[in-house]
PDB file of N, CA and C in Angstrom:
ATOM      1  N   MET A   1      11.678 -22.962  -5.075  1.00  0.00           N
ATOM      2  CA  MET A   1      10.588 -23.671  -4.361  1.00  0.00           C
ATOM      3  C   MET A   1       9.312 -23.380  -5.311  1.00  0.00           C
ATOM      4  N   SER A   2       8.755 -24.609  -5.578  1.00  0.00           N
ATOM      5  CA  SER A   2       7.638 -24.302  -6.226  1.00  0.00           C
ATOM      6  C   SER A   2       6.220 -24.417  -5.778  1.00  0.00           C
ATOM      7  N   LYS A   3       5.552 -23.194  -6.194  1.00  0.00           N
ATOM      8  CA  LYS A   3       3.965 -23.162  -5.567  1.00  0.00           C
ATOM      9  C   LYS A   3       2.969 -24.107  -6.530  1.00  0.00           C
ATOM     10  N   ILE A   4       1.975 -24.663  -5.790  1.00  0.00           N
ATOM     11  CA  ILE A   4       0.909 -25.281  -6.388  1.00  0.00           C
ATOM     12  C   ILE A   4      -0.085 -24.319  -6.291  1.00  0.00           C
ATOM     13  N   LEU A   5      -0.589 -23.602  -7.697  1.00  0.00           N
ATOM     14  CA  LEU A   5      -1.684 -23.014  -8.022  1.00  0.00           C
ATOM     15  C   LEU A   5      -2.831 -23.549  -8.440  1.00  0.00           C
ATOM     16  N   VAL A   6      -3.933 -22.864  -8.198  1.00  0.00           N
ATOM     17  CA  VAL A   6      -5.239 -23.434  -8.665  1.00  0.00           C
ATOM     18  C   VAL A   6      -5.621 -22.110  -9.731  1.00  0.00           C
ATOM     19  N   LEU A   7      -6.145 -22.410 -10.928  1.00  0.00           N
ATOM     20  CA  LEU A   7      -6.506 -21.441 -12.094  1.00  0.00           C
ATOM     21  C   LEU A   7      -8.138 -21.460 -11.707  1.00  0.00           C
ATOM     22  N   ARG A   8      -8.012 -19.808 -11.660  1.00  0.00           N
ATOM     23  CA  ARG A   8      -9.512 -19.245 -11.584  1.00  0.00           C
ATOM     24  C   ARG A   8      -9.415 -18.319 -12.532  1.00  0.00           C
ATOM     25  N   THR A   9     -10.727 -17.662 -12.843  1.00  0.00           N
ATOM     26  CA  THR A   9     -10.988 -17.076 -14.079  1.00  0.00           C
ATOM     27  C   THR A   9     -11.841 -15.366 -13.400  1.00  0.00           C
ATOM     28  N   ILE A  10     -11.462 -14.809 -13.621  1.00  0.00           N
ATOM     29  CA  ILE A  10     -12.098 -13.685 -12.973  1.00  0.00           C
ATOM     30  C   ILE A  10     -12.564 -12.217 -14.087  1.00  0.00           C
ATOM     31  N   TYR A  11     -13.325 -11.579 -13.780  1.00  0.00           N
ATOM     32  CA  TYR A  11     -13.748 -10.622 -14.824  1.00  0.00           C
ATOM     33  C   TYR A  11     -13.442  -9.345 -14.117  1.00  0.00           C
ATOM     34  N   LEU A  12     -12.728  -8.460 -15.049  1.00  0.00           N
ATOM     35  CA  LEU A  12     -12.267  -7.223 -14.476  1.00  0.00           C
ATOM     36  C   LEU A  12     -12.873  -5.917 -15.360  1.00  0.00           C
ATOM     37  N   GLU A  13     -12.967  -4.741 -14.407  1.00  0.00           N
ATOM     38  CA  GLU A  13     -13.281  -3.684 -15.753  1.00  0.00           C
ATOM     39  C   GLU A  13     -12.007  -3.098 -16.319  1.00  0.00           C
ATOM     40  N   PRO A  14     -12.348  -2.753 -17.390  1.00  0.00           N
ATOM     41  CA  PRO A  14     -11.043  -2.434 -18.477  1.00  0.00           C
ATOM     42  C   PRO A  14     -10.128  -1.540 -17.829  1.00  0.00           C
ATOM     43  N   ALA A  15     -10.548  -0.602 -16.889  1.00  0.00           N
ATOM     44  CA  ALA A  15      -9.764   0.381 -16.306  1.00  0.00           C
ATOM     45  C   ALA A  15      -8.899  -0.204 -15.320  1.00  0.00           C
ATOM     46  N   VAL A  16      -9.760  -1.473 -14.710  1.00  0.00           N
ATOM     47  CA  VAL A  16      -8.620  -1.699 -13.532  1.00  0.00           C
ATOM     48  C   VAL A  16      -7.719  -2.964 -14.245  1.00  0.00           C
ATOM     49  N   ASP A  17      -7.749  -3.321 -15.126  1.00  0.00           N
ATOM     50  CA  ASP A  17      -6.825  -4.257 -15.816  1.00  0.00           C
ATOM     51  C   ASP A  17      -5.934  -3.739 -16.252  1.00  0.00           C
ATOM     52  N   GLU A  18      -6.112  -2.035 -16.859  1.00  0.00           N
ATOM     53  CA  GLU A  18      -4.848  -1.326 -17.491  1.00  0.00           C
ATOM     54  C   GLU A  18      -4.055  -0.803 -16.475  1.00  0.00           C
ATOM     55  N   LYS A  19      -4.833  -0.390 -15.075  1.00  0.00           N
ATOM     56  CA  LYS A  19      -4.128  -0.304 -13.909  1.00  0.00           C
ATOM     57  C   LYS A  19      -3.400  -1.144 -13.554  1.00  0.00           C
ATOM     58  N   LEU A  20      -3.710  -2.445 -13.564  1.00  0.00           N
ATOM     59  CA  LEU A  20      -2.680  -3.349 -13.046  1.00  0.00           C
ATOM     60  C   LEU A  20      -1.539  -3.648 -13.953  1.00  0.00           C
ATOM     61  N   ARG A  21      -2.078  -3.361 -15.312  1.00  0.00           N
ATOM     62  CA  ARG A  21      -0.833  -3.670 -16.395  1.00  0.00           C
ATOM     63  C   ARG A  21       0.163  -2.684 -16.404  1.00  0.00           C
ATOM     64  N   TRP A  22      -0.077  -1.522 -16.024  1.00  0.00           N
ATOM     65  CA  TRP A  22       0.921  -0.570 -15.763  1.00  0.00           C
ATOM     66  C   TRP A  22       1.730  -0.568 -14.599  1.00  0.00           C
ATOM     67  N   GLU A  23       1.045  -1.055 -13.741  1.00  0.00           N
ATOM     68  CA  GLU A  23       1.799  -1.224 -12.235  1.00  0.00           C
ATOM     69  C   GLU A  23       2.602  -2.617 -12.405  1.00  0.00           C
ATOM     70  N   ALA A  24       2.478  -3.402 -13.379  1.00  0.00           N
ATOM     71  CA  ALA A  24       3.007  -4.517 -13.251  1.00  0.00           C
ATOM     72  C   ALA A  24       4.494  -4.300 -14.031  1.00  0.00           C
ATOM     73  N   ILE A  25       3.989  -3.567 -15.340  1.00  0.00           N
ATOM     74  CA  ILE A  25       5.373  -2.896 -15.869  1.00  0.00           C
ATOM     75  C   ILE A  25       6.227  -2.285 -14.897  1.00  0.00           C
ATOM     76  N   GLU A  26       5.778  -1.237 -14.218  1.00  0.00           N
ATOM     77  CA  GLU A  26       6.429  -0.189 -13.542  1.00  0.00           C
ATOM     78  C   GLU A  26       7.257  -1.116 -12.421  1.00  0.00           C
ATOM     79  N   LYS A  27       6.978  -2.313 -11.941  1.00  0.00           N
ATOM     80  CA  LYS A  27       7.490  -3.049 -10.944  1.00  0.00           C
ATOM     81  C   LYS A  27       8.134  -4.349 -11.398  1.00  0.00           C
ATOM     82  N   ARG A  28       7.985  -4.296 -12.811  1.00  0.00           N
ATOM     83  CA  ARG A  28       8.536  -5.396 -13.606  1.00  0.00           C
ATOM     84  C   ARG A  28       8.431  -7.045 -12.583  1.00  0.00           C
ATOM     85  N   ILE A  29       7.080  -7.186 -12.486  1.00  0.00           N
ATOM     86  CA  ILE A  29       6.396  -8.441 -12.169  1.00  0.00           C
ATOM     87  C   ILE A  29       5.186  -8.684 -12.930  1.00  0.00           C
ATOM     88  N   SER A  30       4.838  -9.675 -12.923  1.00  0.00           N
ATOM     89  CA  SER A  30       3.529 -10.070 -13.559  1.00  0.00           C
ATOM     90  C   SER A  30       2.330  -9.485 -12.761  1.00  0.00           C
ATOM     91  N   LYS A  31       1.126  -9.863 -13.955  1.00  0.00           N
ATOM     92  CA  LYS A  31      -0.290  -9.459 -13.251  1.00  0.00           C
ATOM     93  C   LYS A  31      -0.283 -10.545 -12.558  1.00  0.00           C
ATOM     94  N   ASN A  32      -0.402 -11.733 -12.678  1.00  0.00           N
ATOM     95  CA  ASN A  32      -0.504 -12.614 -11.795  1.00  0.00           C
ATOM     96  C   ASN A  32      -0.084 -12.606 -10.206  1.00  0.00           C
ATOM     97  N   ASP A  33       1.470 -12.130 -10.284  1.00  0.00           N
ATOM     98  CA  ASP A  33       1.726 -11.882  -9.019  1.00  0.00           C
ATOM     99  C   ASP A  33       0.866 -10.504  -8.278  1.00  0.00           C
ATOM    100  N   LEU A  34       1.000  -9.432  -8.947  1.00  0.00           N
ATOM    101  CA  LEU A  34      -0.258  -8.433  -8.734  1.00  0.00           C
ATOM    102  C   LEU A  34      -1.568  -9.177  -7.910  1.00  0.00           C
ATOM    103  N   PHE A  35      -2.158  -9.702  -8.696  1.00  0.00           N
ATOM    104  CA  PHE A  35      -3.399 -10.475  -8.325  1.00  0.00           C
ATOM    105  C   PHE A  35      -3.250 -11.031  -6.839  1.00  0.00           C
ATOM    106  N   GLN A  36      -2.234 -11.982  -7.021  1.00  0.00           N
ATOM    107  CA  GLN A  36      -2.177 -12.465  -5.740  1.00  0.00           C
ATOM    108  C   GLN A  36      -1.651 -11.568  -4.462  1.00  0.00           C
ATOM    109  N   TYR A  37      -0.812 -10.465  -4.758  1.00  0.00           N
ATOM    110  CA  TYR A  37      -0.507  -9.572  -3.593  1.00  0.00           C
ATOM    111  C   TYR A  37      -1.642  -8.731  -3.066  1.00  0.00           C
ATOM    112  N   TYR A  38      -2.451  -8.549  -4.228  1.00  0.00           N
ATOM    113  CA  TYR A  38      -3.853  -7.846  -3.581  1.00  0.00           C
ATOM    114  C   TYR A  38      -4.638  -8.365  -3.095  1.00  0.00           C
ATOM    115  N   LEU A  39      -4.810 -10.100  -3.193  1.00  0.00           N
ATOM    116  CA  LEU A  39      -5.887 -10.741  -2.957  1.00  0.00           C
ATOM    117  C   LEU A  39      -5.626 -11.025  -1.348  1.00  0.00           C
ATOM    118  N   GLU A  40      -3.968 -11.067  -1.274  1.00  0.00           N
ATOM    119  CA  GLU A  40      -3.540 -11.331   0.145  1.00  0.00           C
ATOM    120  C   GLU A  40      -3.824 -10.000   1.070  1.00  0.00           C
ATOM    121  N   LEU A  41      -3.348  -9.028   0.457  1.00  0.00           N
ATOM    122  CA  LEU A  41      -3.537  -7.868   1.256  1.00  0.00           C
ATOM    123  C   LEU A  41      -4.910  -7.675   1.484  1.00  0.00           C
ATOM    124  N   GLY A  42      -5.930  -7.679   0.552  1.00  0.00           N
ATOM    125  CA  GLY A  42      -7.260  -7.469   1.115  1.00  0.00           C
ATOM    126  C   GLY A  42      -7.913  -8.603   2.030  1.00  0.00           C
ATOM    127  N   MET A  43      -7.553  -9.642   2.073  1.00  0.00           N
ATOM    128  CA  MET A  43      -7.795 -10.791   2.928  1.00  0.00           C
ATOM    129  C   MET A  43      -7.318 -10.274   4.453  1.00  0.00           C
ATOM    130  N   LYS A  44      -6.070  -9.973   4.290  1.00  0.00           N
ATOM    131  CA  LYS A  44      -5.596  -9.619   5.645  1.00  0.00           C
ATOM    132  C   LYS A  44      -6.368  -8.337   6.064  1.00  0.00           C
ATOM    133  N   GLU A  45      -6.644  -7.479   5.249  1.00  0.00           N
ATOM    134  CA  GLU A  45      -7.359  -6.196   5.823  1.00  0.00           C
ATOM    135  C   GLU A  45      -8.726  -6.598   6.254  1.00  0.00           C
ATOM    136  N   ALA A  46      -9.213  -7.420   5.662  1.00  0.00           N
ATOM    137  CA  ALA A  46     -10.959  -7.834   5.797  1.00  0.00           C
ATOM    138  C   ALA A  46     -10.899  -9.012   7.336  1.00  0.00           C
ATOM    139  N   ASP A  47      -9.616  -9.704   7.815  1.00  0.00           N
ATOM    140  CA  ASP A  47      -9.617 -10.304   8.682  1.00  0.00           C
ATOM    141  C   ASP A  47      -9.268  -9.091   9.957  1.00  0.00           C
ATOM    142  N   ARG A  48      -8.451  -8.187   9.455  1.00  0.00           N
ATOM    143  CA  ARG A  48      -8.414  -7.282  10.644  1.00  0.00           C
ATOM    144  C   ARG A  48      -9.639  -6.389  11.254  1.00  0.00           C
ATOM    145  N   LEU A  49     -10.272  -6.004  10.101  1.00  0.00           N
ATOM    146  CA  LEU A  49     -11.680  -5.559  10.178  1.00  0.00           C
ATOM    147  C   LEU A  49     -12.842  -6.355  10.959  1.00  0.00           C
ATOM    148  N   ARG A  50     -12.564  -7.926  10.490  1.00  0.00           N
ATOM    149  CA  ARG A  50     -13.760  -8.869  11.533  1.00  0.00           C
ATOM    150  C   ARG A  50     -13.217  -8.745  12.775  1.00  0.00           C
ATOM    151  N   GLN A  51     -11.823  -8.829  13.014  1.00  0.00           N
ATOM    152  CA  GLN A  51     -11.429  -8.833  14.343  1.00  0.00           C
ATOM    153  C   GLN A  51     -11.577  -7.756  15.179  1.00  0.00           C
ATOM    154  N   LYS A  52     -11.645  -6.612  14.584  1.00  0.00           N
ATOM    155  CA  LYS A  52     -11.835  -5.390  15.592  1.00  0.00           C
ATOM    156  C   LYS A  52     -13.257  -5.172  15.738  1.00  0.00           C
ATOM    157  N   GLU A  53     -14.128  -5.754  14.903  1.00  0.00           N
ATOM    158  CA  GLU A  53     -15.695  -5.966  15.067  1.00  0.00           C
ATOM    159  C   GLU A  53     -16.003  -7.165  15.958  1.00  0.00           C
ATOM    160  N   VAL A  54     -15.410  -8.091  16.176  1.00  0.00           N
ATOM    161  CA  VAL A  54     -15.461  -9.312  17.205  1.00  0.00           C
ATOM    162  C   VAL A  54     -15.331  -8.352  18.612  1.00  0.00           C
ATOM    163  N   LYS A  55     -14.163  -7.477  18.744  1.00  0.00           N
ATOM    164  CA  LYS A  55     -13.787  -6.895  19.902  1.00  0.00           C
ATOM    165  C   LYS A  55     -14.775  -5.916  20.420  1.00  0.00           C
ATOM    166  N   LYS A  56     -15.165  -5.018  19.105  1.00  0.00           N
ATOM    167  CA  LYS A  56     -16.134  -4.134  19.396  1.00  0.00           C
ATOM    168  C   LYS A  56     -17.692  -5.049  20.327  1.00  0.00           C
ATOM    169  N   ASN A  57     -18.051  -5.738  19.464  1.00  0.00           N
ATOM    170  CA  ASN A  57     -19.146  -6.713  20.028  1.00  0.00           C
ATOM    171  C   ASN A  57     -18.818  -7.231  21.130  1.00  0.00           C
ATOM    172  N   LYS A  58     -17.838  -7.692  21.641  1.00  0.00           N
ATOM    173  CA  LYS A  58     -17.565  -8.277  22.829  1.00  0.00           C
ATOM    174  C   LYS A  58     -17.551  -7.154  24.006  1.00  0.00           C
ATOM    175  N   ALA A  59     -17.168  -5.994  23.702  1.00  0.00           N
ATOM    176  CA  ALA A  59     -16.875  -4.843  24.523  1.00  0.00           C
ATOM    177  C   ALA A  59     -18.529  -4.263  24.659  1.00  0.00           C
ATOM    178  N   LYS A  60     -19.214  -4.418  23.959  1.00  0.00           N
ATOM    179  CA  LYS A  60     -20.762  -3.884  24.000  1.00  0.00           C
ATOM    180  C   LYS A  60     -21.208  -5.217  25.020  1.00  0.00           C
ATOM    181  N   THR A  61     -21.253  -6.709  24.767  1.00  0.00           N
ATOM    182  CA  THR A  61     -21.868  -7.338  25.472  1.00  0.00           C
ATOM    183  C   THR A  61     -21.402  -7.291  26.770  1.00  0.00           C
ATOM    184  N   LYS A  62     -20.131  -6.939  27.216  1.00  0.00           N
ATOM    185  CA  LYS A  62     -19.434  -7.038  28.674  1.00  0.00           C
ATOM    186  C   LYS A  62     -20.126  -5.775  29.051  1.00  0.00           C
ATOM    187  N   SER A  63     -20.219  -4.314  28.502  1.00  0.00           N
ATOM    188  CA  SER A  63     -20.819  -3.304  29.245  1.00  0.00           C
ATOM    189  C   SER A  63     -22.462  -3.412  29.496  1.00  0.00           C
ATOM    190  N   LYS A  64     -23.015  -4.231  28.535  1.00  0.00           N
ATOM    191  CA  LYS A  64     -24.489  -4.817  28.896  1.00  0.00           C
ATOM    192  C   LYS A  64     -24.884  -5.335  30.133  1.00  0.00           C
ATOM    193  N   LYS A  65     -23.665  -6.317  30.466  1.00  0.00           N
ATOM    194  CA  LYS A  65     -23.783  -7.171  31.786  1.00  0.00           C
ATOM    195  C   LYS A  65     -23.460  -6.660  32.789  1.00  0.00           C
ATOM    196  N   ASP A  66     -22.757  -5.138  32.603  1.00  0.00           N
ATOM    197  CA  ASP A  66     -22.221  -4.683  33.767  1.00  0.00           C
ATOM    198  C   ASP A  66     -23.597  -3.752  34.542  1.00  0.00           C
ATOM    199  N   LEU A  67     -24.619  -3.622  33.302  1.00  0.00           N
ATOM    200  CA  LEU A  67     -25.618  -2.661  33.904  1.00  0.00           C
ATOM    201  C   LEU A  67     -26.388  -3.532  34.946  1.00  0.00           C
TER     202      LEU A  67
END
């Protein structure tokens, strides 16, 4: 199965790039695959935190209405 990808340029600190390079070597995958993995992981975590905040705000709103 072929994916359609979009080319983007990002700038990394050299230490981060080196860490990704070694992880890619250890896992025998490309740095691009690691970027995609970590980007998706970070986006999922951001969504989880956003949902948690929404629930928290709804609970606050509900408790204020009960007063």
